[in-house]
Structures are given as structure tokens and as C-alpha cells.
C-alpha atoms as a PDB file:
ATOM      1  CA  UNK A   1     -10.692 -10.001   5.278  1.00  0.00           C
ATOM      2  CA  UNK A   2      -8.167  -7.132   5.348  1.00  0.00           C
ATOM      3  CA  UNK A   3      -4.453  -8.044   5.981  1.00  0.00           C
ATOM      4  CA  UNK A   4      -3.324  -5.673   8.747  1.00  0.00           C
ATOM      5  CA  UNK A   5      -6.686  -4.318  11.335  1.00  0.00           C
ATOM      6  CA  UNK A   6      -7.851  -0.374  11.209  1.00  0.00           C
ATOM      7  CA  UNK A   7      -6.326  -0.330  14.860  1.00  0.00           C
ATOM      8  CA  UNK A   8      -3.274  -1.437  13.732  1.00  0.00           C
ATOM      9  CA  UNK A   9      -2.838   0.703  10.640  1.00  0.00           C
ATOM     10  CA  UNK A  10      -3.375   3.424  13.110  1.00  0.00           C
ATOM     11  CA  UNK A  11      -0.982   2.939  15.228  1.00  0.00           C
ATOM     12  CA  UNK A  12       1.404   2.288  12.553  1.00  0.00           C
ATOM     13  CA  UNK A  13       0.617   5.947  11.126  1.00  0.00           C
ATOM     14  CA  UNK A  14       0.275   7.912  14.830  1.00  0.00           C
ATOM     15  CA  UNK A  15       3.727   6.226  14.533  1.00  0.00           C
ATOM     16  CA  UNK A  16       5.070   7.864  11.475  1.00  0.00           C
ATOM     17  CA  UNK A  17       3.629  11.161  11.997  1.00  0.00           C
ATOM     18  CA  UNK A  18       3.336  11.054  15.349  1.00  0.00           C
ATOM     19  CA  UNK A  19       7.136  10.068  16.238  1.00  0.00           C
ATOM     20  CA  UNK A  20       8.538  11.732  12.710  1.00  0.00           C
ATOM     21  CA  UNK A  21      10.198   8.315  12.097  1.00  0.00           C
ATOM     22  CA  UNK A  22      10.562   7.777   8.250  1.00  0.00           C
ATOM     23  CA  UNK A  23       8.243   5.074   5.861  1.00  0.00           C
ATOM     24  CA  UNK A  24      11.207   2.990   5.223  1.00  0.00           C
ATOM     25  CA  UNK A  25      11.843   2.692   9.695  1.00  0.00           C
ATOM     26  CA  UNK A  26       8.579   2.356   9.789  1.00  0.00           C
ATOM     27  CA  UNK A  27       7.904  -0.155   7.813  1.00  0.00           C
ATOM     28  CA  UNK A  28      10.940  -2.102   9.646  1.00  0.00           C
ATOM     29  CA  UNK A  29       9.263  -1.505  13.385  1.00  0.00           C
ATOM     30  CA  UNK A  30       6.188  -3.416  12.282  1.00  0.00           C
ATOM     31  CA  UNK A  31       7.942  -5.513   9.973  1.00  0.00           C
ATOM     32  CA  UNK A  32       5.797  -4.131   7.261  1.00  0.00           C
ATOM     33  CA  UNK A  33       7.238  -6.096   3.881  1.00  0.00           C
ATOM     34  CA  UNK A  34       7.319  -2.521   1.692  1.00  0.00           C
ATOM     35  CA  UNK A  35       7.189   1.281   2.730  1.00  0.00           C
ATOM     36  CA  UNK A  36       5.039   2.073   0.054  1.00  0.00           C
ATOM     37  CA  UNK A  37       2.576   0.414   2.267  1.00  0.00           C
ATOM     38  CA  UNK A  38       3.311   2.678   5.398  1.00  0.00           C
ATOM     39  CA  UNK A  39       3.195   5.593   3.377  1.00  0.00           C
ATOM     40  CA  UNK A  40       0.076   5.217   0.818  1.00  0.00           C
ATOM     41  CA  UNK A  41      -2.000   4.601   4.825  1.00  0.00           C
ATOM     42  CA  UNK A  42      -0.011   7.958   6.042  1.00  0.00           C
ATOM     43  CA  UNK A  43      -1.134   9.592   2.902  1.00  0.00           C
ATOM     44  CA  UNK A  44      -5.003   8.219   3.091  1.00  0.00           C
ATOM     45  CA  UNK A  45      -4.685   9.927   6.543  1.00  0.00           C
ATOM     46  CA  UNK A  46      -3.889  12.888   5.980  1.00  0.00           C
ATOM     47  CA  UNK A  47      -6.546  13.855   3.496  1.00  0.00           C
ATOM     48  CA  UNK A  48      -9.237  11.623   5.078  1.00  0.00           C
ATOM     49  CA  UNK A  49      -8.147  11.250   8.621  1.00  0.00           C
ATOM     50  CA  UNK A  50      -8.927   7.598  10.374  1.00  0.00           C
ATOM     51  CA  UNK A  51     -12.015   7.319   7.712  1.00  0.00           C
ATOM     52  CA  UNK A  52      -8.703   7.074   5.144  1.00  0.00           C
ATOM     53  CA  UNK A  53      -7.614   4.005   6.927  1.00  0.00           C
ATOM     54  CA  UNK A  54     -10.503   1.752   7.012  1.00  0.00           C
ATOM     55  CA  UNK A  55     -11.693  -0.931   4.448  1.00  0.00           C
ATOM     56  CA  UNK A  56     -13.377   0.272   1.412  1.00  0.00           C
ATOM     57  CA  UNK A  57     -17.551  -1.152   1.212  1.00  0.00           C
ATOM     58  CA  UNK A  58     -18.407  -1.854  -1.833  1.00  0.00           C
ATOM     59  CA  UNK A  59     -21.511   0.181  -2.576  1.00  0.00           C
ATOM     60  CA  UNK A  60     -25.062  -0.989  -3.656  1.00  0.00           C
ATOM     61  CA  UNK A  61     -27.003   1.249  -5.660  1.00  0.00           C
ATOM     62  CA  UNK A  62     -31.001   1.224  -6.781  1.00  0.00           C
ATOM     63  CA  UNK A  63     -31.783  -0.838  -9.901  1.00  0.00           C
ATOM     64  CA  UNK A  64     -33.224   3.006 -10.694  1.00  0.00           C
ATOM     65  CA  UNK A  65     -29.915   4.689  -9.578  1.00  0.00           C
ATOM     66  CA  UNK A  66     -28.208   1.961 -11.930  1.00  0.00           C
ATOM     67  CA  UNK A  67     -30.356   2.431 -15.213  1.00  0.00           C
ATOM     68  CA  UNK A  68     -29.164   5.957 -15.530  1.00  0.00           C
END
């Protein structure tokens, strides 16, 4: 399980981007230890939208695909 929920990540990103707060100020406000975490979430959100914040799911491939 992820340390932070998807809803929490979205809340943090929106606080940072929409309300024009810096990464450090946002991290402090939400008690996130590193501003780089907020920065990473914001970049993913800007590139992929809400889907960018979702936990990466492992993809399974068929045996036929793996033989290629």
C-alpha cells in the first residue's frame, strides 16, 4: 500500500498549483518531509493529469509476448 492516498496527493497538488504555493511551503503545510515529493507529484500531474498520480500497477504480459 502507498504511503499517501491518491486523494491526498491530488489535494496537495491542487493546493500547490491552483493556489500558487511553492513546493517547500506546500510540503510544510501538509507535513511532507521532502519538497521533492511535492515537486514530483506536481510534474506528474502536469504531464498526465490525475492519472499521473495513481500508483503504478504492474503489467503482466502473455508468454507469447515475452518470447519476442
